[in-house]
PDB file of N, CA and C in Angstrom:
ATOM      1  N   MET A   1     -29.996 -31.372  83.869  1.00  0.00           N
ATOM      2  CA  MET A   1     -29.643 -32.664  83.298  1.00  0.00           C
ATOM      3  C   MET A   1     -29.640 -32.550  81.782  1.00  0.00           C
ATOM      4  N   GLU A   2     -28.720 -33.243  81.157  1.00  0.00           N
ATOM      5  CA  GLU A   2     -28.684 -33.225  79.697  1.00  0.00           C
ATOM      6  C   GLU A   2     -29.811 -34.092  79.145  1.00  0.00           C
ATOM      7  N   ASN A   3     -30.093 -33.928  77.866  1.00  0.00           N
ATOM      8  CA  ASN A   3     -31.232 -34.569  77.218  1.00  0.00           C
ATOM      9  C   ASN A   3     -31.268 -36.083  77.408  1.00  0.00           C
ATOM     10  N   THR A   4     -30.152 -36.759  77.218  1.00  0.00           N
ATOM     11  CA  THR A   4     -30.113 -38.217  77.354  1.00  0.00           C
ATOM     12  C   THR A   4     -30.466 -38.637  78.771  1.00  0.00           C
ATOM     13  N   LYS A   5     -29.956 -37.919  79.745  1.00  0.00           N
ATOM     14  CA  LYS A   5     -30.230 -38.253  81.142  1.00  0.00           C
ATOM     15  C   LYS A   5     -31.683 -37.988  81.490  1.00  0.00           C
ATOM     16  N   ARG A   6     -32.246 -36.935  80.958  1.00  0.00           N
ATOM     17  CA  ARG A   6     -33.670 -36.652  81.188  1.00  0.00           C
ATOM     18  C   ARG A   6     -34.509 -37.771  80.608  1.00  0.00           C
ATOM     19  N   ASN A   7     -34.180 -38.190  79.378  1.00  0.00           N
ATOM     20  CA  ASN A   7     -34.933 -39.266  78.736  1.00  0.00           C
ATOM     21  C   ASN A   7     -34.821 -40.562  79.532  1.00  0.00           C
ATOM     22  N   THR A   8     -33.654 -40.779  80.139  1.00  0.00           N
ATOM     23  CA  THR A   8     -33.462 -41.976  80.963  1.00  0.00           C
ATOM     24  C   THR A   8     -34.435 -41.963  82.133  1.00  0.00           C
ATOM     25  N   LEU A   9     -34.549 -40.837  82.820  1.00  0.00           N
ATOM     26  CA  LEU A   9     -35.444 -40.748  83.964  1.00  0.00           C
ATOM     27  C   LEU A   9     -36.892 -40.979  83.536  1.00  0.00           C
ATOM     28  N   VAL A  10     -37.304 -40.354  82.463  1.00  0.00           N
ATOM     29  CA  VAL A  10     -38.670 -40.535  81.968  1.00  0.00           C
ATOM     30  C   VAL A  10     -38.907 -42.005  81.628  1.00  0.00           C
ATOM     31  N   SER A  11     -37.982 -42.618  80.920  1.00  0.00           N
ATOM     32  CA  SER A  11     -38.133 -44.021  80.525  1.00  0.00           C
ATOM     33  C   SER A  11     -38.189 -44.952  81.728  1.00  0.00           C
ATOM     34  N   LEU A  12     -37.305 -44.744  82.680  1.00  0.00           N
ATOM     35  CA  LEU A  12     -37.295 -45.595  83.867  1.00  0.00           C
ATOM     36  C   LEU A  12     -38.592 -45.456  84.650  1.00  0.00           C
ATOM     37  N   ARG A  13     -39.046 -44.230  84.774  1.00  0.00           N
ATOM     38  CA  ARG A  13     -40.298 -43.985  85.504  1.00  0.00           C
ATOM     39  C   ARG A  13     -41.468 -44.651  84.791  1.00  0.00           C
ATOM     40  N   LYS A  14     -41.545 -44.475  83.490  1.00  0.00           N
ATOM     41  CA  LYS A  14     -42.658 -45.047  82.727  1.00  0.00           C
ATOM     42  C   LYS A  14     -42.607 -46.568  82.688  1.00  0.00           C
ATOM     43  N   ASN A  15     -41.394 -47.145  82.692  1.00  0.00           N
ATOM     44  CA  ASN A  15     -41.266 -48.603  82.727  1.00  0.00           C
ATOM     45  C   ASN A  15     -41.884 -49.201  83.984  1.00  0.00           C
ATOM     46  N   LYS A  16     -41.920 -48.417  85.042  1.00  0.00           N
ATOM     47  CA  LYS A  16     -42.539 -48.869  86.284  1.00  0.00           C
ATOM     48  C   LYS A  16     -44.013 -48.454  86.361  1.00  0.00           C
ATOM     49  N   ASN A  17     -44.501 -47.846  85.291  1.00  0.00           N
ATOM     50  CA  ASN A  17     -45.885 -47.356  85.249  1.00  0.00           C
ATOM     51  C   ASN A  17     -46.183 -46.372  86.374  1.00  0.00           C
ATOM     52  N   TRP A  18     -45.188 -45.523  86.664  1.00  0.00           N
ATOM     53  CA  TRP A  18     -45.348 -44.510  87.690  1.00  0.00           C
ATOM     54  C   TRP A  18     -45.626 -43.167  87.039  1.00  0.00           C
ATOM     55  N   THR A  19     -46.461 -42.390  87.692  1.00  0.00           N
ATOM     56  CA  THR A  19     -46.660 -41.007  87.284  1.00  0.00           C
ATOM     57  C   THR A  19     -45.563 -40.163  87.939  1.00  0.00           C
ATOM     58  N   GLN A  20     -45.476 -38.920  87.527  1.00  0.00           N
ATOM     59  CA  GLN A  20     -44.537 -38.019  88.191  1.00  0.00           C
ATOM     60  C   GLN A  20     -44.898 -37.909  89.668  1.00  0.00           C
ATOM     61  N   ARG A  21     -46.185 -37.893  89.954  1.00  0.00           N
ATOM     62  CA  ARG A  21     -46.637 -37.802  91.351  1.00  0.00           C
ATOM     63  C   ARG A  21     -46.186 -39.024  92.156  1.00  0.00           C
ATOM     64  N   ASP A  22     -46.286 -40.217  91.550  1.00  0.00           N
ATOM     65  CA  ASP A  22     -45.828 -41.433  92.233  1.00  0.00           C
ATOM     66  C   ASP A  22     -44.351 -41.319  92.601  1.00  0.00           C
ATOM     67  N   LEU A  23     -43.544 -40.933  91.615  1.00  0.00           N
ATOM     68  CA  LEU A  23     -42.106 -40.812  91.853  1.00  0.00           C
ATOM     69  C   LEU A  23     -41.825 -39.719  92.882  1.00  0.00           C
ATOM     70  N   ALA A  24     -42.546 -38.633  92.809  1.00  0.00           N
ATOM     71  CA  ALA A  24     -42.362 -37.546  93.773  1.00  0.00           C
ATOM     72  C   ALA A  24     -42.623 -38.018  95.200  1.00  0.00           C
ATOM     73  N   GLU A  25     -43.663 -38.798  95.384  1.00  0.00           N
ATOM     74  CA  GLU A  25     -43.968 -39.309  96.725  1.00  0.00           C
ATOM     75  C   GLU A  25     -42.870 -40.242  97.222  1.00  0.00           C
ATOM     76  N   ILE A  26     -42.381 -41.101  96.357  1.00  0.00           N
ATOM     77  CA  ILE A  26     -41.306 -42.028  96.729  1.00  0.00           C
ATOM     78  C   ILE A  26     -40.041 -41.249  97.087  1.00  0.00           C
ATOM     79  N   MET A  27     -39.761 -40.220  96.294  1.00  0.00           N
ATOM     80  CA  MET A  27     -38.538 -39.433  96.483  1.00  0.00           C
ATOM     81  C   MET A  27     -38.676 -38.357  97.551  1.00  0.00           C
ATOM     82  N   GLN A  28     -39.889 -38.157  98.036  1.00  0.00           N
ATOM     83  CA  GLN A  28     -40.180 -37.119  99.026  1.00  0.00           C
ATOM     84  C   GLN A  28     -39.808 -35.729  98.521  1.00  0.00           C
ATOM     85  N   VAL A  29     -40.245 -35.472  97.287  1.00  0.00           N
ATOM     86  CA  VAL A  29     -40.094 -34.153  96.669  1.00  0.00           C
ATOM     87  C   VAL A  29     -41.438 -33.784  96.050  1.00  0.00           C
ATOM     88  N   SER A  30     -41.533 -32.589  95.546  1.00  0.00           N
ATOM     89  CA  SER A  30     -42.768 -32.180  94.887  1.00  0.00           C
ATOM     90  C   SER A  30     -42.839 -32.770  93.474  1.00  0.00           C
ATOM     91  N   GLN A  31     -44.054 -32.838  92.975  1.00  0.00           N
ATOM     92  CA  GLN A  31     -44.227 -33.280  91.583  1.00  0.00           C
ATOM     93  C   GLN A  31     -43.518 -32.298  90.654  1.00  0.00           C
ATOM     94  N   GLN A  32     -43.519 -31.035  91.026  1.00  0.00           N
ATOM     95  CA  GLN A  32     -42.839 -30.017  90.223  1.00  0.00           C
ATOM     96  C   GLN A  32     -41.340 -30.313  90.123  1.00  0.00           C
ATOM     97  N   ALA A  33     -40.737 -30.789  91.207  1.00  0.00           N
ATOM     98  CA  ALA A  33     -39.297 -31.117  91.174  1.00  0.00           C
ATOM     99  C   ALA A  33     -39.034 -32.230  90.165  1.00  0.00           C
ATOM    100  N   VAL A  34     -39.853 -33.269  90.183  1.00  0.00           N
ATOM    101  CA  VAL A  34     -39.689 -34.367  89.220  1.00  0.00           C
ATOM    102  C   VAL A  34     -39.856 -33.838  87.805  1.00  0.00           C
ATOM    103  N   SER A  35     -40.856 -33.002  87.600  1.00  0.00           N
ATOM    104  CA  SER A  35     -41.090 -32.413  86.283  1.00  0.00           C
ATOM    105  C   SER A  35     -39.868 -31.606  85.825  1.00  0.00           C
ATOM    106  N   GLU A  36     -39.298 -30.834  86.719  1.00  0.00           N
ATOM    107  CA  GLU A  36     -38.123 -30.025  86.378  1.00  0.00           C
ATOM    108  C   GLU A  36     -36.916 -30.902  86.067  1.00  0.00           C
ATOM    109  N   TRP A  37     -36.751 -32.000  86.786  1.00  0.00           N
ATOM    110  CA  TRP A  37     -35.661 -32.932  86.479  1.00  0.00           C
ATOM    111  C   TRP A  37     -35.843 -33.481  85.074  1.00  0.00           C
ATOM    112  N   GLU A  38     -37.090 -33.867  84.762  1.00  0.00           N
ATOM    113  CA  GLU A  38     -37.355 -34.462  83.456  1.00  0.00           C
ATOM    114  C   GLU A  38     -37.247 -33.443  82.321  1.00  0.00           C
ATOM    115  N   GLN A  39     -37.562 -32.193  82.597  1.00  0.00           N
ATOM    116  CA  GLN A  39     -37.459 -31.148  81.575  1.00  0.00           C
ATOM    117  C   GLN A  39     -36.046 -30.601  81.460  1.00  0.00           C
ATOM    118  N   GLY A  40     -35.225 -30.877  82.448  1.00  0.00           N
ATOM    119  CA  GLY A  40     -33.849 -30.409  82.424  1.00  0.00           C
ATOM    120  C   GLY A  40     -33.663 -28.999  82.926  1.00  0.00           C
ATOM    121  N   THR A  41     -34.687 -28.438  83.552  1.00  0.00           N
ATOM    122  CA  THR A  41     -34.547 -27.089  84.095  1.00  0.00           C
ATOM    123  C   THR A  41     -33.903 -27.095  85.472  1.00  0.00           C
ATOM    124  N   ARG A  42     -33.810 -28.283  86.065  1.00  0.00           N
ATOM    125  CA  ARG A  42     -33.178 -28.449  87.369  1.00  0.00           C
ATOM    126  C   ARG A  42     -32.644 -29.870  87.460  1.00  0.00           C
ATOM    127  N   SER A  43     -31.570 -30.043  88.196  1.00  0.00           N
ATOM    128  CA  SER A  43     -31.004 -31.375  88.414  1.00  0.00           C
ATOM    129  C   SER A  43     -31.221 -31.786  89.862  1.00  0.00           C
ATOM    130  N   PRO A  44     -31.338 -33.089  90.097  1.00  0.00           N
ATOM    131  CA  PRO A  44     -31.466 -33.533  91.486  1.00  0.00           C
ATOM    132  C   PRO A  44     -30.163 -33.304  92.245  1.00  0.00           C
ATOM    133  N   THR A  45     -30.289 -33.128  93.549  1.00  0.00           N
ATOM    134  CA  THR A  45     -29.094 -33.029  94.385  1.00  0.00           C
ATOM    135  C   THR A  45     -28.374 -34.376  94.337  1.00  0.00           C
ATOM    136  N   PHE A  46     -27.145 -34.394  94.804  1.00  0.00           N
ATOM    137  CA  PHE A  46     -26.397 -35.651  94.825  1.00  0.00           C
ATOM    138  C   PHE A  46     -27.160 -36.698  95.630  1.00  0.00           C
ATOM    139  N   LYS A  47     -27.698 -36.303  96.768  1.00  0.00           N
ATOM    140  CA  LYS A  47     -28.436 -37.227  97.629  1.00  0.00           C
ATOM    141  C   LYS A  47     -29.655 -37.804  96.903  1.00  0.00           C
ATOM    142  N   LYS A  48     -30.383 -36.950  96.189  1.00  0.00           N
ATOM    143  CA  LYS A  48     -31.561 -37.417  95.448  1.00  0.00           C
ATOM    144  C   LYS A  48     -31.141 -38.262  94.241  1.00  0.00           C
ATOM    145  N   ALA A  49     -30.043 -37.897  93.595  1.00  0.00           N
ATOM    146  CA  ALA A  49     -29.542 -38.692  92.466  1.00  0.00           C
ATOM    147  C   ALA A  49     -29.156 -40.089  92.942  1.00  0.00           C
ATOM    148  N   LYS A  50     -28.537 -40.174  94.114  1.00  0.00           N
ATOM    149  CA  LYS A  50     -28.172 -41.472  94.693  1.00  0.00           C
ATOM    150  C   LYS A  50     -29.423 -42.294  94.968  1.00  0.00           C
ATOM    151  N   LYS A  51     -30.446 -41.645  95.499  1.00  0.00           N
ATOM    152  CA  LYS A  51     -31.695 -42.353  95.782  1.00  0.00           C
ATOM    153  C   LYS A  51     -32.347 -42.834  94.482  1.00  0.00           C
ATOM    154  N   LEU A  52     -32.321 -42.012  93.438  1.00  0.00           N
ATOM    155  CA  LEU A  52     -32.850 -42.429  92.132  1.00  0.00           C
ATOM    156  C   LEU A  52     -32.068 -43.628  91.599  1.00  0.00           C
ATOM    157  N   ALA A  53     -30.751 -43.565  91.710  1.00  0.00           N
ATOM    158  CA  ALA A  53     -29.904 -44.661  91.227  1.00  0.00           C
ATOM    159  C   ALA A  53     -30.228 -45.962  91.956  1.00  0.00           C
ATOM    160  N   ASP A  54     -30.395 -45.872  93.253  1.00  0.00           N
ATOM    161  CA  ASP A  54     -30.736 -47.064  94.037  1.00  0.00           C
ATOM    162  C   ASP A  54     -32.133 -47.565  93.667  1.00  0.00           C
ATOM    163  N   LEU A  55     -33.063 -46.656  93.537  1.00  0.00           N
ATOM    164  CA  LEU A  55     -34.446 -46.999  93.228  1.00  0.00           C
ATOM    165  C   LEU A  55     -34.567 -47.723  91.889  1.00  0.00           C
ATOM    166  N   PHE A  56     -33.853 -47.213  90.887  1.00  0.00           N
ATOM    167  CA  PHE A  56     -33.953 -47.772  89.543  1.00  0.00           C
ATOM    168  C   PHE A  56     -32.814 -48.753  89.226  1.00  0.00           C
ATOM    169  N   GLU A  57     -31.944 -49.011  90.224  1.00  0.00           N
ATOM    170  CA  GLU A  57     -30.817 -49.924  90.028  1.00  0.00           C
ATOM    171  C   GLU A  57     -30.001 -49.539  88.795  1.00  0.00           C
ATOM    172  N   THR A  58     -29.647 -48.283  88.771  1.00  0.00           N
ATOM    173  CA  THR A  58     -28.940 -47.667  87.638  1.00  0.00           C
ATOM    174  C   THR A  58     -27.753 -46.876  88.188  1.00  0.00           C
ATOM    175  N   PRO A  59     -26.663 -46.763  87.446  1.00  0.00           N
ATOM    176  CA  PRO A  59     -25.527 -45.959  87.924  1.00  0.00           C
ATOM    177  C   PRO A  59     -25.954 -44.516  88.208  1.00  0.00           C
ATOM    178  N   ILE A  60     -25.385 -43.945  89.251  1.00  0.00           N
ATOM    179  CA  ILE A  60     -25.720 -42.580  89.660  1.00  0.00           C
ATOM    180  C   ILE A  60     -25.441 -41.585  88.529  1.00  0.00           C
ATOM    181  N   GLU A  61     -24.467 -41.895  87.674  1.00  0.00           N
ATOM    182  CA  GLU A  61     -24.132 -40.988  86.565  1.00  0.00           C
ATOM    183  C   GLU A  61     -25.330 -40.745  85.643  1.00  0.00           C
ATOM    184  N   SER A  62     -26.287 -41.626  85.688  1.00  0.00           N
ATOM    185  CA  SER A  62     -27.492 -41.458  84.864  1.00  0.00           C
ATOM    186  C   SER A  62     -28.297 -40.232  85.279  1.00  0.00           C
ATOM    187  N   PHE A  63     -28.038 -39.731  86.495  1.00  0.00           N
ATOM    188  CA  PHE A  63     -28.858 -38.644  87.022  1.00  0.00           C
ATOM    189  C   PHE A  63     -28.071 -37.398  87.376  1.00  0.00           C
ATOM    190  N   LEU A  64     -26.770 -37.414  87.195  1.00  0.00           N
ATOM    191  CA  LEU A  64     -25.943 -36.234  87.518  1.00  0.00           C
ATOM    192  C   LEU A  64     -25.509 -35.516  86.256  1.00  0.00           C
TER     193      LEU A  64
END
């Protein structure tokens, strides 16, 4: 994920007062996966990006 998109995920998560672990449990992924998405070393799959978009009520493009 590019820098702006990573920052979006971090901001959305923090706005809900969720830890990476909280989001990982909701998304049914490891905390490491959430960390990698936020650091930009890995991007979520399309299916996970769709779930993030639905969860945060944000366009899917925010996560792809």
